[in-house]
């Protein structure tokens, strides 16, 4: 990993004038402050009012930013660096720093002899300035998957997105038009929970900046368009010991999935209600988790089944290094540091307790009357689950983080949930 001095030397040689210290709050919002390069060289860090972003109280509000040189990228004449949040007056690392939660998850995995890898797939909608999705050739919902040019009006936009993300060193792998009108997907190379979450934050910012340059708006809102597919952020997860992928078993005829992989799935499904509060954390998230739009509604798993909460990809046989599970409940409104940490904690609980996931489901969950556990239908329901089921997060989340997170999300669910929607006006204005 480069040192801060090496990063600054490279920045100076490339004509950098400013240092932007980025950090992330509990909601997953990327925030920053900009310093002149001379000021930064003297301070080697930054500071901010933690009470103004919900990370502290007003009577103890000072906080310190310590840049992580591993995350340094140069954009024009600005050096952007994601930063750690530290307590003031010589205090230690803030337990409410989301990046610290992801670091704790990596240590939690390592203490048990594991390394976790996660590859996120991010879906998003591209809107015009009047908040309408960018139209495709037919402008028809659910018929736009893998459209190519000239039917895809976002073709040049996606090429520019890939160019931007590659220039930032974010290792984008695939982009394509998704099912919804104006909907695209970008996936990035798998990494550890902390580094994968760093990529998510940078990818979202990069996509939004490219969209702005095209005169468009990129939104990662889970369900921005009624009657069309919502946007998810699927986690492709695997567990390793050294160079061995613990999810791979060539003798398993169903999906080449090991017993460890099954236990990991069992842990996620067992805790899926409380996990939902972290991986699908907004009021709008639960407008996506409804039948018929390729988003899961039941705590089930299966190979190649996109109506399940967990899919085991089976494109090819013999995928020793690529064997993984796809957790399909999350959406891109989540804080990726918290979400990756929580998902691995749940999976490891399944491995530790040997939780069986039940029989796989190989039918369309929307078209069959399944007797399976239902995902929460609202954010309030998910938060109820999180309040009653959170002990599995103890090795990763400081209690103060969960307490603050639940309080913040309860307030959000109550305030936003009380606003009448456009659909309610249409349905009820005349009663």
Foldseek 3Di string as FASTA:
>chain_A
DDDPVVVLVVLVVVQAFKEWEWAAAQLQDIDTDIDGSVVCVVVQWAKDFQVVRLLDNNVQGIKIWHFDVVQWFDDRNYTYTYTFIAGPDPGGGRLRGLLQLLVLLQVVQVVVQKFKKKKKKWKWAKAAPVRHGAAFPVSDAQQCWQDDPPRDVCRVLVVVLVVQCVNRVLAWDDKGAHRGRRMMMIIHDMDGLSSNLSSLSVSVVSSQVSSVVVNIGIDQQQPSDPPHAGIFIKIWMFMDRVQFTQQAALPDPFARGDLLRQLLLLLCLVLVLLLCCAQQPAQSLLVNCDPDHLAEWFSAEGEPASNHQKYFDRPDHPCRPRGTIIGRSGTSSHSSSRNVSVSNLSSVVSSVVVGGSDDHDDDRPRVDDDPGHTHDNGSVSSLVSNVVDPPSSVSRRDPVNNVSSSVVSVVNRVPVVPDDDPVCCVVPVVD
